[in-house]
Amino acid sequence: MNFFVNQYLVTKNSSIEHAELKRLAIFNGHEPGSAKLLTQDFAPTLDQTLERFGLQRDAVINMFDFFAGTTDYVGAPLKVDGLAYDGDLQMGTGNNFRELKRGGRLVSEVHFIGGTVARVGNVDYFDDAGNLTLRQIYDLRGFLAVNQYYGRAGELFYERYQRPDGTVYLERYYVQSTENTPINSLNVLKDYQGRDRFFYDQEGLFTFFLDEVNRAFGENNRFFADRPAVAINPILNMTSKVKRYLWLAMRAVDDGQDLATGSLDTMVDAALQHGRKWTGVVVATAAQAADLKPRLPKGLKCYVVNNSPVKVDRTPILIQDRPAQRVIAVGRLGADKQTDQLIDLFARVHTARPKATLTFYGYGNQADMQSYQERVKAANLEQVVTFADYVVDLEPVYDQASLLVDASRVDAQPLAMAEALSHGVPVVSYDYAYGPSELVIPGQTGELVPLGNRDAFVKAVIDLLSDPTKLQDFSTAAYQNLTPFSEATTWQQWQALK
């Protein structure tokens, strides 16, 4: 069994999660039931997320579900009218939450799960002074999942997790940090296999969970540390028989350092200090493998597996059948993606090609997004540059795009770039490490520009948008040159790990 270890699967995911979903599809397409995603964080709306991404319930094992014994629990929706409350309370109205009052005093608030019609998400209870004292969080499947208790200053100090039948399986205690945020100080797994078990942080609890999953599937399974900050230490600390793999969906050196000789990222360096525990290290590109191999502990193998496997049998859509000059950028928006610079570059493109449009598909933090929107407004681009937020199904987007642009500084095989090419969308990108040079064929499926050369970037975009015949030739070539990062090639790469 192959287990991909992560912190969460949520409604808006990064490329790490999307790559995991592609891996699950490949494994289960060739060897059904041979791969699963393991997640750490409490997820009362996991079923909603699974449906959003087209996953079956058994594709993901969540730590809290595992210990509660609810991995295959079905249940039924709990609507607000199904809650039991004192008859003398008056319930207000509202689409997102309802207040319950006794006279003029607020007793509690019933909050609904987003994306549902009045399905109970959590119920908050307040004391006479209006302080939150208890929050009851309900699972989407209709049962009370956890009681959270708060002190007078609004601090979380205790949680009690329970099964659908009301029995408690986990207690969690908290202390306050100097910034007045809760720090998990003790976890008590109640009556697990006949006795209580104590863990002094969530990492210890997560490690125990990984061992228990490994034992449940016969041991000697393969565990991949997908999200390093959460997965590395728990996988290293497992005591059952296991094959450990460090997955690096990131550069291995600190920002700004030489990729072959610079200081290793602290987290990566610490992981490699345990070289004999790892079965292997997995990276997405041959270039990163070449940089990393000389720095690995003796005997530790480095494998190359595409992070962005794509389908190769799509029906081509001609450029003339797509909206003209529709440029897209796909992925997280942030400083390392140089989103602000990309807006400036497109302003210059727009001057030469006034009908060209740019749409960003992705999300960033609130402050950054506000800054980008203000930058667009200042450049008078509001009619041609839009932010479409996070979109689950991008296939219709790719099928209607003329060009994908990427101004990032560094990445580890950009998922969106491979997906765009598989839909016949040519690419203009900075030639950063790692990925573009192993995906794009310059002069055939797109153009790679020296990192930071803004004039060359703008010229490449303008030239392609100004020449529909050349753009069509690039699109045709994109459809025809997918073998190196196809699903079939990727599956062959996975076989090398065996």
Protein backbone atom coordinates (compact mmCIF):
# COMPACT_ATOMS: atom_id res chain seq x y z
CA MET A 1 0.00 0.00 0.00
CA ASN A 2 1.14 3.53 -0.78
CA PHE A 3 0.29 6.27 1.71
CA PHE A 4 0.71 9.94 0.87
CA VAL A 5 0.98 11.86 4.13
CA ASN A 6 -0.37 15.38 4.36
CA GLN A 7 -1.90 17.80 6.83
CA TYR A 8 -5.28 18.26 5.19
CA LEU A 9 -7.49 18.18 2.14
CA VAL A 10 -9.59 21.35 2.03
CA THR A 11 -11.87 23.26 -0.31
CA LYS A 12 -8.99 25.34 -1.74
CA ASN A 13 -5.83 23.29 -2.13
CA SER A 14 -2.27 23.90 -3.24
CA SER A 15 -0.38 22.03 -5.96
CA ILE A 16 0.72 19.49 -3.31
CA GLU A 17 -2.84 18.28 -2.84
CA HIS A 18 -3.67 18.43 -6.55
CA ALA A 19 -0.60 16.35 -7.33
CA GLU A 20 -1.71 13.84 -4.69
CA LEU A 21 -5.13 13.60 -6.33
CA LYS A 22 -3.49 12.85 -9.67
CA ARG A 23 -1.32 10.19 -8.01
CA LEU A 24 -4.35 8.54 -6.43
CA ALA A 25 -6.01 8.41 -9.85
CA ILE A 26 -2.94 6.86 -11.49
CA PHE A 27 -2.42 4.25 -8.79
CA ASN A 28 -6.05 3.29 -8.55
CA GLY A 29 -6.31 3.18 -12.33
CA HIS A 30 -3.53 0.57 -12.53
CA GLU A 31 -3.78 -1.10 -9.12
CA PRO A 32 -7.20 -0.30 -7.58
CA GLY A 33 -7.08 0.37 -3.86
CA SER A 34 -3.27 0.57 -3.76
CA ALA A 35 -2.95 4.20 -2.66
CA LYS A 36 -4.52 6.41 -0.02
CA LEU A 37 -4.13 9.92 1.33
CA LEU A 38 -3.55 10.27 5.09
CA THR A 39 -4.50 13.58 6.73
CA GLN A 40 -3.89 14.98 10.19
CA ASP A 41 -6.30 17.86 10.80
CA PHE A 42 -9.80 17.47 12.20
CA ALA A 43 -12.15 17.58 9.20
CA PRO A 44 -15.87 17.65 10.05
CA THR A 45 -16.79 18.52 6.43
CA LEU A 46 -14.47 16.00 4.77
CA ASP A 47 -17.34 14.33 2.89
CA GLN A 48 -18.18 17.66 1.28
CA THR A 49 -14.56 18.07 0.20
CA LEU A 50 -14.38 14.53 -1.18
CA GLU A 51 -17.46 15.15 -3.28
CA ARG A 52 -16.00 18.44 -4.50
CA PHE A 53 -12.93 16.65 -5.86
CA GLY A 54 -14.65 13.47 -7.03
CA LEU A 55 -13.07 11.15 -4.44
CA GLN A 56 -14.51 8.05 -2.81
CA ARG A 57 -14.61 7.91 0.99
CA ASP A 58 -11.98 5.16 1.19
CA ALA A 59 -9.42 7.24 -0.74
CA VAL A 60 -8.67 9.32 2.35
CA ILE A 61 -8.05 8.23 5.94
CA ASN A 62 -8.28 11.09 8.40
CA MET A 63 -6.66 10.69 11.82
CA PHE A 64 -9.74 11.74 13.79
CA ASP A 65 -12.05 9.51 11.74
CA PHE A 66 -9.64 6.60 12.23
CA PHE A 67 -9.61 6.85 16.01
CA ALA A 68 -13.36 7.51 16.14
CA GLY A 69 -14.07 4.48 13.96
CA THR A 70 -16.08 6.65 11.54
CA THR A 71 -14.06 6.25 8.34
CA ASP A 72 -17.05 4.59 6.67
CA TYR A 73 -19.84 6.15 8.75
CA VAL A 74 -22.72 7.46 6.64
CA GLY A 75 -25.21 9.22 8.93
CA ALA A 76 -27.84 11.73 7.86
CA PRO A 77 -27.96 15.54 7.53
CA LEU A 78 -28.76 17.49 10.68
CA LYS A 79 -30.82 20.60 9.97
CA VAL A 80 -31.42 23.38 12.42
CA ASP A 81 -34.94 22.15 13.14
CA GLY A 82 -33.43 18.84 14.32
CA LEU A 83 -31.61 20.44 17.24
CA ALA A 84 -32.99 20.03 20.72
CA TYR A 85 -33.20 23.27 22.73
CA ASP A 86 -35.25 24.74 25.56
CA GLY A 87 -38.77 25.60 24.55
CA ASP A 88 -38.61 29.08 26.06
CA LEU A 89 -35.82 30.16 23.70
CA GLN A 90 -36.65 32.33 20.72
CA MET A 91 -34.87 31.51 17.45
CA GLY A 92 -34.09 34.28 15.01
CA THR A 93 -33.79 34.05 11.24
CA GLY A 94 -30.78 34.11 8.96
CA ASN A 95 -29.16 32.34 6.02
CA ASN A 96 -25.77 31.71 7.65
CA PHE A 97 -26.65 31.44 11.35
CA ARG A 98 -29.53 31.76 13.81
CA GLU A 99 -29.54 33.34 17.24
CA LEU A 100 -31.26 31.73 20.21
CA LYS A 101 -32.33 34.19 22.90
CA ARG A 102 -34.10 34.13 26.22
CA GLY A 103 -35.72 37.51 26.37
CA GLY A 104 -32.97 39.96 25.41
CA ARG A 105 -30.09 37.68 26.43
CA LEU A 106 -28.14 35.83 23.73
CA VAL A 107 -27.90 32.18 24.77
CA SER A 108 -26.40 30.58 21.67
CA GLU A 109 -25.82 30.85 17.95
CA VAL A 110 -26.36 28.06 15.44
CA HIS A 111 -23.98 28.36 12.48
CA PHE A 112 -24.57 26.51 9.22
CA ILE A 113 -22.03 24.64 7.10
CA GLY A 114 -21.06 26.67 4.06
CA GLY A 115 -22.44 25.39 0.78
CA THR A 116 -25.38 23.65 2.46
CA VAL A 117 -28.97 24.59 3.22
CA ALA A 118 -29.22 25.04 6.99
CA ARG A 119 -27.09 22.01 7.90
CA VAL A 120 -25.69 22.50 11.38
CA GLY A 121 -21.98 23.26 11.52
CA ASN A 122 -21.43 24.50 15.05
CA VAL A 123 -23.42 25.80 18.00
CA ASP A 124 -21.83 28.47 20.21
CA TYR A 125 -22.96 29.06 23.80
CA PHE A 126 -22.43 32.30 25.72
CA ASP A 127 -22.41 33.29 29.40
CA ASP A 128 -24.28 36.25 30.92
CA ALA A 129 -21.49 38.63 29.89
CA GLY A 130 -21.57 37.47 26.27
CA ASN A 131 -18.37 35.42 26.49
CA LEU A 132 -18.09 32.25 24.42
CA THR A 133 -17.95 29.30 26.82
CA LEU A 134 -18.73 26.24 24.67
CA ARG A 135 -18.58 25.48 20.98
CA GLN A 136 -20.15 22.27 19.74
CA ILE A 137 -18.92 21.26 16.27
CA TYR A 138 -21.03 18.88 14.23
CA ASP A 139 -19.84 16.53 11.53
CA LEU A 140 -21.43 16.97 8.12
CA ARG A 141 -22.82 13.45 8.56
CA GLY A 142 -25.11 14.69 11.32
CA PHE A 143 -23.50 13.95 14.69
CA LEU A 144 -21.89 16.04 17.41
CA ALA A 145 -18.14 15.54 16.88
CA VAL A 146 -16.42 17.75 19.46
CA ASN A 147 -17.12 19.99 22.43
CA GLN A 148 -14.67 22.90 22.79
CA TYR A 149 -14.48 24.72 26.13
CA TYR A 150 -13.35 28.35 26.52
CA GLY A 151 -12.21 30.45 29.48
CA ARG A 152 -13.28 33.96 30.47
CA ALA A 153 -10.65 35.56 28.25
CA GLY A 154 -11.89 33.60 25.25
CA GLU A 155 -9.07 31.06 25.39
CA LEU A 156 -9.58 27.47 24.29
CA PHE A 157 -8.43 25.15 27.07
CA TYR A 158 -10.11 21.76 26.55
CA GLU A 159 -11.70 19.65 23.79
CA ARG A 160 -13.68 16.42 24.00
CA TYR A 161 -14.09 14.42 20.77
CA GLN A 162 -16.88 11.87 20.49
CA ARG A 163 -18.37 9.23 18.25
CA PRO A 164 -21.91 9.28 16.82
CA ASP A 165 -23.06 7.26 19.87
CA GLY A 166 -21.71 9.94 22.23
CA THR A 167 -18.76 7.96 23.62
CA VAL A 168 -15.57 9.98 23.99
CA TYR A 169 -12.45 8.78 22.14
CA LEU A 170 -10.08 11.74 22.52
CA GLU A 171 -9.48 14.55 25.00
CA ARG A 172 -7.20 17.48 24.18
CA TYR A 173 -5.83 20.10 26.57
CA TYR A 174 -4.36 23.52 25.75
CA VAL A 175 -2.24 26.23 27.35
CA GLN A 176 -1.86 29.78 26.09
CA SER A 177 1.21 31.06 24.29
CA THR A 178 2.71 34.49 24.93
CA GLU A 179 0.71 35.65 21.89
CA ASN A 180 -2.46 34.34 23.58
CA THR A 181 -2.95 31.51 21.07
CA PRO A 182 -3.72 27.93 22.15
CA ILE A 183 -0.87 25.41 22.33
CA ASN A 184 -1.83 21.75 22.45
CA SER A 185 -0.20 20.41 25.63
CA LEU A 186 -1.78 16.98 26.09
CA ASN A 187 -3.81 14.46 24.06
CA VAL A 188 -5.49 11.52 25.72
CA LEU A 189 -6.66 8.75 23.40
CA LYS A 190 -9.39 7.17 25.53
CA ASP A 191 -9.63 3.42 26.04
CA TYR A 192 -7.77 2.65 22.83
CA GLN A 193 -7.32 -1.11 22.60
CA GLY A 194 -8.11 -1.38 26.28
CA ARG A 195 -6.19 1.54 27.80
CA ASP A 196 -5.73 5.30 27.69
CA ARG A 197 -2.74 6.56 25.73
CA PHE A 198 -1.08 9.94 26.35
CA PHE A 199 0.63 12.20 23.78
CA TYR A 200 2.09 15.57 24.66
CA ASP A 201 1.67 17.14 21.22
CA GLN A 202 -0.23 16.50 18.02
CA GLU A 203 2.92 15.30 16.27
CA GLY A 204 3.16 12.38 18.68
CA LEU A 205 -0.49 11.54 18.15
CA PHE A 206 -0.06 11.72 14.38
CA THR A 207 2.98 9.43 14.54
CA PHE A 208 0.96 6.87 16.49
CA PHE A 209 -1.81 7.16 13.89
CA LEU A 210 0.64 6.45 11.04
CA ASP A 211 1.96 3.38 12.86
CA GLU A 212 -1.54 2.09 13.50
CA VAL A 213 -2.51 2.55 9.84
CA ASN A 214 0.69 0.78 8.79
CA ARG A 215 -0.06 -2.15 11.08
CA ALA A 216 -3.68 -2.29 9.90
CA PHE A 217 -2.40 -2.83 6.34
CA GLY A 218 0.20 -5.44 7.24
CA GLU A 219 3.30 -3.23 7.73
CA ASN A 220 6.14 -2.63 5.26
CA ASN A 221 3.96 -0.16 3.41
CA ARG A 222 5.35 2.88 1.61
CA PHE A 223 4.85 6.25 3.32
CA PHE A 224 5.57 9.46 1.38
CA ALA A 225 6.21 12.70 3.27
CA ASP A 226 4.26 15.01 0.96
CA ARG A 227 3.92 18.11 3.14
CA PRO A 228 7.35 18.18 4.79
CA ALA A 229 6.60 20.43 7.76
CA VAL A 230 3.88 18.07 8.98
CA ALA A 231 4.95 14.68 7.61
CA ILE A 232 8.72 14.37 7.98
CA ASN A 233 9.08 13.93 11.75
CA PRO A 234 6.05 11.64 12.22
CA ILE A 235 7.23 9.35 9.42
CA LEU A 236 10.79 9.32 10.77
CA ASN A 237 9.50 8.51 14.27
CA MET A 238 7.35 5.55 13.22
CA THR A 239 8.30 2.35 15.06
CA SER A 240 6.54 -0.22 12.88
CA LYS A 241 8.20 -1.74 9.82
CA VAL A 242 7.86 0.82 7.05
CA LYS A 243 9.43 2.13 3.84
CA ARG A 244 9.96 5.89 4.13
CA TYR A 245 10.17 8.29 1.18
CA LEU A 246 10.88 12.01 1.31
CA TRP A 247 8.91 13.77 -1.42
CA LEU A 248 10.38 17.17 -2.33
CA ALA A 249 7.75 19.23 -4.12
CA MET A 250 10.04 22.19 -3.46
CA ARG A 251 13.62 23.27 -4.05
CA ALA A 252 16.08 21.76 -1.61
CA VAL A 253 18.09 24.91 -0.90
CA ASP A 254 17.28 28.16 0.87
CA ASP A 255 15.78 30.99 -1.17
CA GLY A 256 18.40 32.88 -3.15
CA GLN A 257 21.05 30.21 -2.79
CA ASP A 258 22.83 28.43 -5.63
CA LEU A 259 20.71 25.38 -6.40
CA ALA A 260 23.68 22.99 -6.63
CA THR A 261 25.88 24.27 -3.79
CA GLY A 262 23.77 26.59 -1.62
CA SER A 263 22.74 25.89 1.96
CA LEU A 264 20.08 23.24 2.19
CA ASP A 265 16.68 24.26 3.46
CA THR A 266 16.70 23.70 7.24
CA MET A 267 13.82 21.24 7.09
CA VAL A 268 15.36 19.24 4.25
CA ASP A 269 18.79 19.24 5.88
CA ALA A 270 17.35 17.96 9.17
CA ALA A 271 15.49 15.19 7.33
CA LEU A 272 18.61 14.07 5.45
CA GLN A 273 20.50 13.75 8.71
CA HIS A 274 18.45 10.56 9.11
CA GLY A 275 19.57 9.23 5.73
CA ARG A 276 19.58 5.57 6.75
CA LYS A 277 15.92 5.71 7.75
CA TRP A 278 14.76 6.84 4.32
CA THR A 279 14.22 4.33 1.54
CA GLY A 280 14.47 7.08 -1.05
CA VAL A 281 14.00 10.72 -2.00
CA VAL A 282 11.55 11.62 -4.79
CA VAL A 283 11.73 14.77 -6.92
CA ALA A 284 9.73 15.84 -9.98
CA THR A 285 12.46 16.76 -12.44
CA ALA A 286 15.76 15.38 -13.69
CA ALA A 287 17.38 18.78 -13.16
CA GLN A 288 16.57 18.79 -9.47
CA ALA A 289 17.75 15.19 -9.14
CA ALA A 290 21.08 16.16 -10.73
CA ASP A 291 21.54 19.00 -8.24
CA LEU A 292 20.47 16.92 -5.24
CA LYS A 293 22.09 13.51 -5.77
CA PRO A 294 25.66 14.59 -4.90
CA ARG A 295 24.39 15.99 -1.60
CA LEU A 296 22.46 12.96 -0.40
CA PRO A 297 23.82 10.63 2.29
CA LYS A 298 25.74 7.70 0.84
CA GLY A 299 23.45 4.94 -0.39
CA LEU A 300 20.26 7.05 -0.38
CA LYS A 301 18.59 6.84 -3.79
CA CYS A 302 16.94 9.74 -5.59
CA TYR A 303 14.01 8.98 -7.89
CA VAL A 304 12.39 11.20 -10.53
CA VAL A 305 8.61 10.97 -10.76
CA ASN A 306 6.47 13.48 -12.64
CA ASN A 307 4.49 15.67 -10.29
CA SER A 308 2.21 16.71 -13.15
CA PRO A 309 1.03 13.64 -15.10
CA VAL A 310 -1.42 14.43 -17.89
CA LYS A 311 -3.77 12.68 -20.30
CA VAL A 312 -2.59 12.48 -23.91
CA ASP A 313 -5.78 11.55 -25.76
CA ARG A 314 -7.72 14.82 -25.72
CA THR A 315 -9.57 15.91 -28.86
CA PRO A 316 -7.69 18.98 -30.15
CA ILE A 317 -9.47 22.33 -30.08
CA LEU A 318 -8.26 24.75 -32.72
CA ILE A 319 -7.05 28.22 -31.72
CA GLN A 320 -9.61 29.73 -34.09
CA ASP A 321 -12.36 28.02 -32.10
CA ARG A 322 -11.20 29.64 -28.85
CA PRO A 323 -11.80 33.23 -27.76
CA ALA A 324 -9.05 35.34 -29.33
CA GLN A 325 -6.08 36.46 -27.24
CA ARG A 326 -7.33 34.96 -23.97
CA VAL A 327 -4.28 34.70 -21.69
CA ILE A 328 -4.42 32.82 -18.39
CA ALA A 329 -2.23 32.38 -15.31
CA VAL A 330 -3.01 29.42 -13.05
CA GLY A 331 -1.85 28.71 -9.51
CA ARG A 332 -1.25 30.34 -6.17
CA LEU A 333 -0.77 34.10 -6.26
CA GLY A 334 2.19 35.41 -4.25
CA ALA A 335 5.64 36.97 -4.15
CA ASP A 336 7.48 33.85 -5.33
CA LYS A 337 5.10 33.67 -8.29
CA GLN A 338 5.88 37.34 -9.03
CA THR A 339 2.20 38.08 -9.56
CA ASP A 340 2.78 41.82 -9.26
CA GLN A 341 5.40 41.68 -11.99
CA LEU A 342 3.12 39.65 -14.24
CA ILE A 343 0.48 42.39 -13.97
CA ASP A 344 3.09 44.97 -15.00
CA LEU A 345 4.22 42.79 -17.91
CA PHE A 346 0.67 42.38 -19.15
CA ALA A 347 0.14 46.13 -19.04
CA ARG A 348 2.84 46.37 -21.70
CA VAL A 349 1.28 43.51 -23.68
CA HIS A 350 -2.09 45.25 -23.56
CA THR A 351 -0.62 48.40 -25.06
CA ALA A 352 0.42 46.41 -28.15
CA ARG A 353 -2.59 44.05 -28.19
CA PRO A 354 -5.56 46.01 -26.77
CA LYS A 355 -7.97 43.08 -27.17
CA ALA A 356 -5.84 40.71 -25.10
CA THR A 357 -7.18 39.68 -21.69
CA LEU A 358 -5.52 38.08 -18.68
CA THR A 359 -7.36 35.99 -16.10
CA PHE A 360 -5.77 34.71 -12.90
CA TYR A 361 -7.10 31.38 -11.65
CA GLY A 362 -5.90 30.87 -8.09
CA TYR A 363 -5.82 32.46 -4.68
CA GLY A 364 -3.46 34.33 -2.38
CA ASN A 365 -3.61 35.85 1.07
CA GLN A 366 -6.01 38.74 1.59
CA ALA A 367 -3.36 41.48 1.78
CA ASP A 368 -1.66 40.33 -1.41
CA MET A 369 -4.93 40.06 -3.30
CA GLN A 370 -5.89 43.58 -2.29
CA SER A 371 -2.50 44.81 -3.50
CA TYR A 372 -2.87 43.06 -6.87
CA GLN A 373 -6.34 44.46 -7.42
CA GLU A 374 -5.11 47.96 -6.63
CA ARG A 375 -2.22 47.46 -9.06
CA VAL A 376 -4.65 46.48 -11.80
CA LYS A 377 -6.79 49.53 -11.08
CA ALA A 378 -3.80 51.87 -11.08
CA ALA A 379 -2.78 50.54 -14.51
CA ASN A 380 -6.33 51.00 -15.88
CA LEU A 381 -6.56 47.28 -16.62
CA GLU A 382 -9.81 46.54 -14.79
CA GLN A 383 -11.63 45.70 -18.02
CA VAL A 384 -9.03 43.20 -19.22
CA VAL A 385 -7.41 41.70 -16.08
CA THR A 386 -9.62 39.64 -13.80
CA PHE A 387 -9.19 37.41 -10.75
CA ALA A 388 -11.31 34.28 -11.05
CA ASP A 389 -10.29 32.84 -7.66
CA TYR A 390 -9.89 29.09 -7.15
CA VAL A 391 -11.58 26.80 -9.68
CA VAL A 392 -11.79 23.04 -9.13
CA ASP A 393 -12.37 21.96 -12.72
CA LEU A 394 -10.00 23.88 -14.99
CA GLU A 395 -10.50 21.77 -18.10
CA PRO A 396 -13.06 24.19 -19.66
CA VAL A 397 -10.69 27.05 -18.83
CA TYR A 398 -7.75 25.45 -20.64
CA ASP A 399 -9.91 24.52 -23.60
CA GLN A 400 -10.83 28.18 -24.12
CA ALA A 401 -7.38 29.70 -23.52
CA SER A 402 -4.93 31.00 -26.13
CA LEU A 403 -1.82 31.19 -23.95
CA LEU A 404 -0.60 30.44 -20.43
CA VAL A 405 1.95 32.78 -18.83
CA ASP A 406 4.17 32.13 -15.81
CA ALA A 407 6.51 34.69 -14.23
CA SER A 408 7.54 32.59 -11.22
CA ARG A 409 11.06 32.62 -9.76
CA VAL A 410 11.17 28.94 -8.78
CA ASP A 411 8.91 25.89 -8.61
CA ALA A 412 9.08 22.09 -8.67
CA GLN A 413 7.46 21.19 -12.00
CA PRO A 414 4.43 23.50 -12.30
CA LEU A 415 1.25 21.48 -12.45
CA ALA A 416 -0.69 24.13 -14.39
CA MET A 417 1.96 24.31 -17.12
CA ALA A 418 1.70 20.59 -17.85
CA GLU A 419 -2.09 20.72 -17.77
CA ALA A 420 -2.19 23.68 -20.15
CA LEU A 421 0.08 21.97 -22.68
CA SER A 422 -2.10 18.85 -22.55
CA HIS A 423 -5.02 21.06 -23.64
CA GLY A 424 -3.04 22.55 -26.51
CA VAL A 425 -2.30 25.84 -24.71
CA PRO A 426 1.15 27.22 -25.58
CA VAL A 427 3.25 28.63 -22.72
CA VAL A 428 5.41 31.70 -22.20
CA SER A 429 7.41 31.39 -19.00
CA TYR A 430 10.58 32.43 -17.30
CA ASP A 431 13.09 29.60 -17.52
CA TYR A 432 13.25 29.08 -13.77
CA ALA A 433 14.23 26.01 -11.78
CA TYR A 434 12.62 23.57 -11.79
CA GLY A 435 10.28 22.38 -14.49
CA PRO A 436 9.65 24.66 -17.49
CA SER A 437 12.64 23.38 -19.47
CA GLU A 438 11.43 19.79 -19.05
CA LEU A 439 7.87 20.66 -20.11
CA VAL A 440 8.13 23.36 -22.80
CA ILE A 441 9.98 22.93 -26.10
CA PRO A 442 11.14 26.48 -26.97
CA GLY A 443 10.05 27.55 -30.41
CA GLN A 444 7.63 24.62 -30.69
CA THR A 445 5.20 24.47 -27.75
CA GLY A 446 6.01 27.80 -26.16
CA GLU A 447 8.83 30.16 -25.28
CA LEU A 448 11.21 30.13 -22.31
CA VAL A 449 12.64 33.50 -21.36
CA PRO A 450 15.78 34.08 -19.24
CA LEU A 451 14.70 34.68 -15.66
CA GLY A 452 14.08 38.38 -15.08
CA ASN A 453 14.26 39.45 -18.74
CA ARG A 454 11.03 41.43 -18.83
CA ASP A 455 11.49 42.79 -22.35
CA ALA A 456 11.94 39.29 -23.77
CA PHE A 457 8.89 38.04 -21.86
CA VAL A 458 6.65 40.81 -23.19
CA LYS A 459 7.96 40.33 -26.74
CA ALA A 460 7.32 36.58 -26.64
CA VAL A 461 3.70 37.10 -25.55
CA ILE A 462 3.05 39.84 -28.11
CA ASP A 463 4.61 37.84 -30.93
CA LEU A 464 2.42 34.81 -30.28
CA LEU A 465 -0.79 36.79 -29.82
CA SER A 466 -0.02 38.69 -33.06
CA ASP A 467 0.46 35.54 -35.16
CA PRO A 468 -2.53 33.15 -35.08
CA THR A 469 -0.79 30.74 -37.47
CA LYS A 470 2.25 30.43 -35.23
CA LEU A 471 0.02 30.14 -32.18
CA GLN A 472 -1.85 27.26 -33.87
CA ASP A 473 1.41 25.53 -34.76
CA PHE A 474 2.51 25.76 -31.12
CA SER A 475 -0.89 24.47 -29.96
CA THR A 476 -0.71 21.48 -32.31
CA ALA A 477 2.81 20.69 -31.14
CA ALA A 478 1.72 20.95 -27.52
CA TYR A 479 -0.87 18.22 -28.06
CA GLN A 480 1.74 16.05 -29.79
CA ASN A 481 4.61 16.28 -27.31
CA LEU A 482 3.18 15.05 -24.03
CA THR A 483 4.89 11.67 -23.70
CA PRO A 484 7.64 12.76 -21.22
CA PHE A 485 5.03 13.80 -18.64
CA SER A 486 2.11 11.59 -19.62
CA GLU A 487 0.27 9.36 -17.18
CA ALA A 488 1.83 6.29 -18.84
CA THR A 489 5.37 7.63 -18.43
CA THR A 490 4.63 8.63 -14.87
CA TRP A 491 3.40 5.14 -14.04
CA GLN A 492 6.64 3.70 -15.43
CA GLN A 493 8.56 6.06 -13.16
CA TRP A 494 6.57 4.82 -10.17
CA GLN A 495 7.54 1.26 -11.03
CA ALA A 496 11.20 2.19 -10.59
CA LEU A 497 10.57 2.75 -6.89
CA LYS A 498 9.74 -0.91 -6.49
